[in-house]
């Protein structure tokens, strides 16, 4: 393979943006799947968000194939569907496991409460019997401790632990604050590094293909998105607009869940960051080919879906920073 100089034109820009978009979408679900696996829980994600996204992806892939859209769009739609199914299965699995654990905890708490009640009843019964034994017990009842030997030992142990716990000084709080800020800064740097690597990988994969297809670029050729792809397919357009509506609607349950919890804990920031980058590059890959009215009309539903979800994802980003700042305060 010989390194070739890049000739910038509409086709080249579309291919570069499309390749970077694919790279972003390939890894978009990985951070969230890992986050769920690490926490052994998916309570941070709205299940309705995943279901609507999955249905939207199914309509998307059907419409994209029927409308003969860019190969990038068809590949992305197929991958979305597979990844959504994995994430949906993970949410079902963790929700089921967590639901099974709660009754066990309740039974344990009830057993503990019953045992405590029985012990207290025995203590009360013994106290009454001792009171009837004679004047000695009657004279000392008011001075007897209300705790048993085990309770006194447990109480004393708790007091010793409380006494041994050092009080946080302003210097200690300052050190903890700096440590937390340093850790957050490190996380942001790691996220930036991951994003850079993924975008570079997308560009590199395109450039390798670019260098290996020099002959096809020298011969004049109609852009792949023009011609047959400008023919309007009504059924494909219906599927496209349905997918756009579902994509837009899928973000609403997640935004409401974050607002209700006043937290984005359990939601991966990289998940939505890669989704935003994928949508931005996807829109660029489509618009770089042509901005003719007929071409934009054919791709309108997919552009609306990507642009609309991009704006809603910005809302989720705002929630990330607002709730994180509020938690720190």
Protein backbone atom coordinates (compact mmCIF):
# COMPACT_ATOMS: atom_id res chain seq x y z
CA UNK A 1 0.00 0.00 0.00
CA UNK A 2 1.35 3.40 -1.02
CA UNK A 3 0.42 6.51 0.90
CA UNK A 4 -1.71 8.76 -1.23
CA UNK A 5 -2.38 12.47 -0.81
CA UNK A 6 -5.96 13.16 0.19
CA UNK A 7 -8.03 14.87 -2.45
CA UNK A 8 -10.74 16.76 -0.64
CA UNK A 9 -14.09 16.82 -2.39
CA UNK A 10 -17.70 16.08 -1.53
CA UNK A 11 -17.26 12.36 -1.91
CA UNK A 12 -14.11 12.27 0.20
CA UNK A 13 -15.60 14.34 3.02
CA UNK A 14 -18.72 12.16 3.00
CA UNK A 15 -16.65 8.99 3.22
CA UNK A 16 -14.43 10.32 6.03
CA UNK A 17 -17.41 11.51 8.08
CA UNK A 18 -19.23 8.23 7.42
CA UNK A 19 -16.24 6.16 8.53
CA UNK A 20 -15.82 8.18 11.75
CA UNK A 21 -19.57 7.89 12.36
CA UNK A 22 -19.38 4.10 12.04
CA UNK A 23 -16.40 3.98 14.44
CA UNK A 24 -18.36 6.01 17.02
CA UNK A 25 -21.45 3.86 16.70
CA UNK A 26 -19.44 0.63 16.88
CA UNK A 27 -18.27 1.50 20.41
CA UNK A 28 -21.23 3.60 21.54
CA UNK A 29 -22.88 0.84 23.56
CA UNK A 30 -19.67 -0.55 25.07
CA UNK A 31 -19.31 2.09 27.86
CA UNK A 32 -22.92 1.63 28.99
CA UNK A 33 -22.74 -2.16 28.87
CA UNK A 34 -19.55 -2.03 30.93
CA UNK A 35 -21.14 0.43 33.39
CA UNK A 36 -24.09 -1.91 33.91
CA UNK A 37 -21.76 -4.89 34.31
CA UNK A 38 -19.57 -3.02 36.81
CA UNK A 39 -22.54 -1.94 38.94
CA UNK A 40 -24.46 -5.21 38.42
CA UNK A 41 -27.45 -2.97 37.86
CA UNK A 42 -29.18 -1.04 35.08
CA UNK A 43 -31.34 1.18 37.29
CA UNK A 44 -29.77 4.28 35.75
CA UNK A 45 -31.27 3.50 32.34
CA UNK A 46 -34.91 3.80 31.42
CA UNK A 47 -36.13 0.49 29.99
CA UNK A 48 -38.61 2.37 27.81
CA UNK A 49 -35.67 4.34 26.37
CA UNK A 50 -34.03 1.08 25.22
CA UNK A 51 -37.27 -0.43 23.89
CA UNK A 52 -38.19 2.64 21.81
CA UNK A 53 -34.64 2.90 20.49
CA UNK A 54 -34.71 -0.78 19.49
CA UNK A 55 -38.03 -0.45 17.64
CA UNK A 56 -36.74 2.70 15.95
CA UNK A 57 -33.61 0.85 14.79
CA UNK A 58 -35.72 -1.95 13.31
CA UNK A 59 -37.78 0.55 11.30
CA UNK A 60 -34.57 2.37 10.41
CA UNK A 61 -32.83 -0.64 8.87
CA UNK A 62 -35.93 -1.69 6.90
CA UNK A 63 -36.44 1.81 5.53
CA UNK A 64 -32.74 2.31 4.73
CA UNK A 65 -32.58 -0.91 2.72
CA UNK A 66 -35.81 -0.20 0.85
CA UNK A 67 -34.76 3.37 0.06
CA UNK A 68 -31.29 2.26 -1.13
CA UNK A 69 -29.51 4.76 1.08
CA UNK A 70 -25.77 5.10 1.68
CA UNK A 71 -24.02 1.86 2.73
CA UNK A 72 -22.92 3.71 5.86
CA UNK A 73 -26.52 4.25 6.91
CA UNK A 74 -27.49 0.60 6.31
CA UNK A 75 -24.45 -0.73 8.21
CA UNK A 76 -25.13 1.58 11.15
CA UNK A 77 -28.82 0.67 11.27
CA UNK A 78 -27.99 -3.06 11.36
CA UNK A 79 -25.41 -2.61 14.08
CA UNK A 80 -27.75 -0.47 16.19
CA UNK A 81 -30.31 -3.26 16.18
CA UNK A 82 -27.86 -5.90 17.39
CA UNK A 83 -26.36 -3.65 20.07
CA UNK A 84 -29.81 -2.58 21.31
CA UNK A 85 -30.82 -6.20 21.77
CA UNK A 86 -27.69 -6.85 23.87
CA UNK A 87 -28.36 -3.80 26.05
CA UNK A 88 -32.05 -4.65 26.39
CA UNK A 89 -31.22 -8.22 27.47
CA UNK A 90 -28.75 -6.86 30.02
CA UNK A 91 -31.38 -4.53 31.50
CA UNK A 92 -33.90 -7.37 31.79
CA UNK A 93 -31.32 -9.64 33.42
CA UNK A 94 -30.16 -7.18 36.07
CA UNK A 95 -33.69 -5.96 36.85
CA UNK A 96 -34.81 -9.54 37.39
CA UNK A 97 -31.85 -10.36 39.64
CA UNK A 98 -32.31 -7.22 41.73
CA UNK A 99 -36.04 -7.90 42.07
CA UNK A 100 -35.30 -11.41 43.37
CA UNK A 101 -32.91 -10.05 45.99
CA UNK A 102 -35.41 -7.61 47.56
CA UNK A 103 -37.84 -10.26 48.96
CA UNK A 104 -34.88 -12.05 50.58
CA UNK A 105 -33.86 -8.84 52.31
CA UNK A 106 -37.42 -8.25 53.49
CA UNK A 107 -37.65 -11.77 54.91
CA UNK A 108 -34.36 -11.26 56.72
CA UNK A 109 -35.58 -7.98 58.22
CA UNK A 110 -38.86 -9.55 59.31
CA UNK A 111 -37.03 -12.46 60.94
CA UNK A 112 -34.76 -10.07 62.78
CA UNK A 113 -37.76 -8.05 63.96
CA UNK A 114 -39.56 -11.18 65.22
CA UNK A 115 -36.45 -12.41 67.05
CA UNK A 116 -36.01 -9.01 68.66
CA UNK A 117 -39.64 -9.01 69.74
CA UNK A 118 -39.32 -12.48 71.27
CA UNK A 119 -36.18 -11.51 73.15
CA UNK A 120 -37.85 -8.38 74.48
CA UNK A 121 -40.87 -10.40 75.58
CA UNK A 122 -38.64 -12.84 77.44
CA UNK A 123 -36.82 -10.00 79.16
CA UNK A 124 -40.13 -8.44 80.23
CA UNK A 125 -41.40 -11.79 81.47
CA UNK A 126 -38.25 -12.44 83.46
CA UNK A 127 -38.45 -8.97 84.97
CA UNK A 128 -42.00 -9.60 86.16
CA UNK A 129 -41.04 -12.95 87.69
CA UNK A 130 -38.07 -11.43 89.44
CA UNK A 131 -40.28 -8.68 90.84
CA UNK A 132 -42.55 -11.24 92.47
CA UNK A 133 -39.67 -13.11 94.11
CA UNK A 134 -39.12 -10.78 97.06
CA UNK A 135 -38.29 -7.42 98.48
CA UNK A 136 -34.67 -7.53 97.38
CA UNK A 137 -35.56 -7.54 93.73
CA UNK A 138 -38.29 -4.98 94.36
CA UNK A 139 -35.79 -2.57 95.92
CA UNK A 140 -33.26 -2.97 93.11
CA UNK A 141 -35.56 -2.97 90.05
CA UNK A 142 -35.30 0.77 89.46
CA UNK A 143 -31.51 0.57 89.48
CA UNK A 144 -31.18 -2.37 87.09
CA UNK A 145 -29.99 -1.59 83.56
CA UNK A 146 -32.52 -1.99 80.76
CA UNK A 147 -29.90 -3.57 78.41
CA UNK A 148 -28.78 -7.18 78.44
CA UNK A 149 -25.13 -8.15 78.65
CA UNK A 150 -24.83 -8.57 74.88
CA UNK A 151 -26.55 -5.24 74.28
CA UNK A 152 -24.23 -3.48 76.72
CA UNK A 153 -21.19 -4.97 75.02
CA UNK A 154 -22.47 -3.99 71.58
CA UNK A 155 -23.28 -0.47 72.78
CA UNK A 156 -19.86 -0.09 74.38
CA UNK A 157 -18.16 -1.33 71.23
CA UNK A 158 -20.12 1.19 69.14
CA UNK A 159 -19.15 3.97 71.54
CA UNK A 160 -15.49 3.00 71.32
CA UNK A 161 -15.62 2.98 67.52
CA UNK A 162 -17.27 6.38 67.55
CA UNK A 163 -14.62 7.70 69.92
CA UNK A 164 -11.82 6.27 67.80
CA UNK A 165 -13.17 7.88 64.63
CA UNK A 166 -11.18 11.07 64.03
CA UNK A 167 -13.04 14.28 63.40
CA UNK A 168 -12.38 15.69 59.94
CA UNK A 169 -10.34 18.84 60.08
CA UNK A 170 -10.50 21.55 57.41
CA UNK A 171 -7.13 20.34 56.14
CA UNK A 172 -8.47 16.80 55.70
CA UNK A 173 -11.57 18.04 53.89
CA UNK A 174 -9.39 20.14 51.61
CA UNK A 175 -7.24 17.11 50.78
CA UNK A 176 -10.34 15.03 50.01
CA UNK A 177 -11.72 17.81 47.81
CA UNK A 178 -8.48 18.06 45.84
CA UNK A 179 -8.33 14.28 45.49
CA UNK A 180 -11.89 14.16 44.14
CA UNK A 181 -11.18 16.96 41.65
CA UNK A 182 -7.97 15.25 40.52
CA UNK A 183 -9.85 11.98 39.98
CA UNK A 184 -12.55 13.73 37.94
CA UNK A 185 -9.92 15.48 35.86
CA UNK A 186 -8.23 12.15 35.23
CA UNK A 187 -11.56 10.63 34.14
CA UNK A 188 -12.18 13.49 31.72
CA UNK A 189 -8.69 13.07 30.25
CA UNK A 190 -9.27 9.33 29.84
CA UNK A 191 -12.61 9.97 28.13
CA UNK A 192 -11.01 12.49 25.79
CA UNK A 193 -8.25 10.02 24.96
CA UNK A 194 -10.78 7.27 24.19
CA UNK A 195 -12.81 9.59 21.94
CA UNK A 196 -9.66 10.69 20.09
CA UNK A 197 -8.53 7.10 19.53
CA UNK A 198 -11.95 6.04 18.21
CA UNK A 199 -12.22 8.98 15.80
CA UNK A 200 -8.65 8.43 14.58
CA UNK A 201 -9.42 4.73 14.07
CA UNK A 202 -12.40 5.69 11.91
CA UNK A 203 -10.28 8.05 9.83
CA UNK A 204 -7.46 5.49 9.54
CA UNK A 205 -9.81 2.76 8.33
CA UNK A 206 -11.09 5.12 5.63
CA UNK A 207 -7.58 6.16 4.60
CA UNK A 208 -6.45 2.54 4.17
CA UNK A 209 -9.41 1.94 1.89
CA UNK A 210 -8.69 5.22 0.13
CA UNK A 211 -5.11 4.20 -0.66
CA UNK A 212 -6.18 0.77 -1.91
CA UNK A 213 -8.75 2.14 -4.36
CA UNK A 214 -6.80 4.68 -6.36
CA UNK A 215 -7.90 3.22 -9.69
CA UNK A 216 -11.61 3.57 -8.93
CA UNK A 217 -11.15 7.22 -8.03
CA UNK A 218 -9.42 8.07 -11.32
CA UNK A 219 -12.35 6.94 -13.45
CA UNK A 220 -15.35 9.29 -13.47
CA UNK A 221 -18.19 7.85 -11.47
CA UNK A 222 -21.60 8.98 -10.32
CA UNK A 223 -21.66 9.57 -6.55
CA UNK A 224 -23.15 6.52 -4.82
CA UNK A 225 -25.87 8.51 -3.11
CA UNK A 226 -27.30 9.96 -6.32
CA UNK A 227 -29.26 8.26 -9.09
CA UNK A 228 -31.47 5.46 -7.72
CA UNK A 229 -31.28 6.77 -4.17
CA UNK A 230 -33.14 9.93 -5.25
CA UNK A 231 -36.19 7.93 -6.24
CA UNK A 232 -38.83 8.31 -3.57
CA UNK A 233 -40.02 5.04 -2.00
CA UNK A 234 -43.21 5.78 -0.05
CA UNK A 235 -43.10 2.70 2.18
CA UNK A 236 -39.42 3.29 2.97
CA UNK A 237 -40.19 6.90 3.85
CA UNK A 238 -42.94 5.77 6.22
CA UNK A 239 -40.48 3.50 8.02
CA UNK A 240 -37.94 6.31 8.07
CA UNK A 241 -40.30 8.79 9.70
CA UNK A 242 -41.51 6.17 12.18
CA UNK A 243 -37.91 5.54 13.21
CA UNK A 244 -37.34 9.29 13.59
CA UNK A 245 -40.37 9.64 15.88
CA UNK A 246 -39.25 6.67 17.97
CA UNK A 247 -35.70 8.01 18.23
CA UNK A 248 -36.99 11.34 19.45
CA UNK A 249 -39.45 9.73 21.84
CA UNK A 250 -36.86 7.35 23.27
CA UNK A 251 -34.90 10.17 24.89
CA UNK A 252 -37.90 11.52 26.79
CA UNK A 253 -38.18 8.63 29.32
CA UNK A 254 -34.44 8.86 30.06
CA UNK A 255 -34.58 12.62 30.56
CA UNK A 256 -37.59 12.24 32.88
CA UNK A 257 -35.89 9.45 34.83
CA UNK A 258 -32.78 11.59 35.36
CA UNK A 259 -34.95 14.51 36.44
CA UNK A 260 -36.93 12.34 38.85
CA UNK A 261 -33.79 10.87 40.43
CA UNK A 262 -31.93 14.22 40.29
CA UNK A 263 -28.97 12.12 39.23
CA UNK A 264 -27.34 10.52 36.19
CA UNK A 265 -25.69 7.80 38.23
CA UNK A 266 -25.58 4.53 36.31
CA UNK A 267 -25.59 6.31 32.94
CA UNK A 268 -22.32 6.37 31.02
CA UNK A 269 -21.26 9.80 29.78
CA UNK A 270 -19.32 8.19 26.92
CA UNK A 271 -22.50 6.43 25.82
CA UNK A 272 -24.21 9.69 24.91
CA UNK A 273 -20.99 11.39 23.85
CA UNK A 274 -20.36 8.77 21.16
CA UNK A 275 -24.03 8.96 20.17
CA UNK A 276 -23.65 12.71 19.62
CA UNK A 277 -20.43 12.32 17.63
CA UNK A 278 -21.99 9.54 15.58
CA UNK A 279 -25.01 11.69 14.71
CA UNK A 280 -22.89 14.75 13.87
CA UNK A 281 -20.65 12.81 11.48
CA UNK A 282 -23.63 10.98 10.01
CA UNK A 283 -25.38 14.27 9.18
CA UNK A 284 -22.15 15.59 7.69
CA UNK A 285 -21.70 12.45 5.56
CA UNK A 286 -25.19 12.90 4.10
CA UNK A 287 -25.02 16.66 3.50
CA UNK A 288 -21.53 16.47 1.98
CA UNK A 289 -22.85 14.43 -0.95
CA UNK A 290 -25.48 16.90 -2.10
CA UNK A 291 -27.78 19.62 -0.84
CA UNK A 292 -30.27 19.44 -3.68
CA UNK A 293 -33.90 19.70 -2.66
CA UNK A 294 -34.83 16.25 -3.99
CA UNK A 295 -31.87 14.57 -2.28
CA UNK A 296 -32.60 16.26 1.06
CA UNK A 297 -36.28 15.32 0.78
CA UNK A 298 -35.41 11.64 0.32
CA UNK A 299 -33.08 11.70 3.36
CA UNK A 300 -35.22 14.09 5.43
CA UNK A 301 -36.54 11.51 7.91
CA UNK A 302 -33.08 10.21 8.74
CA UNK A 303 -31.66 13.71 9.03
CA UNK A 304 -34.55 14.78 11.30
CA UNK A 305 -34.06 11.71 13.49
CA UNK A 306 -30.33 12.32 13.89
CA UNK A 307 -30.61 16.09 14.39
CA UNK A 308 -33.49 15.75 16.85
CA UNK A 309 -31.80 13.11 18.99
CA UNK A 310 -28.66 15.22 18.92
CA UNK A 311 -30.52 18.12 20.53
CA UNK A 312 -32.13 15.84 23.15
CA UNK A 313 -28.76 14.29 23.92
CA UNK A 314 -27.51 17.79 24.66
CA UNK A 315 -30.25 17.99 27.29
CA UNK A 316 -28.93 14.81 28.88
CA UNK A 317 -25.42 16.31 28.82
CA UNK A 318 -26.78 19.34 30.66
CA UNK A 319 -28.28 17.01 33.27
CA UNK A 320 -24.90 15.33 33.70
CA UNK A 321 -23.18 18.58 34.56
CA UNK A 322 -26.05 20.08 36.62
CA UNK A 323 -26.57 17.03 38.83
CA UNK A 324 -22.86 16.35 39.18
CA UNK A 325 -22.23 19.96 40.26
CA UNK A 326 -25.20 19.81 42.66
CA UNK A 327 -23.88 16.58 44.18
CA UNK A 328 -20.43 18.06 44.67
CA UNK A 329 -21.91 21.12 46.35
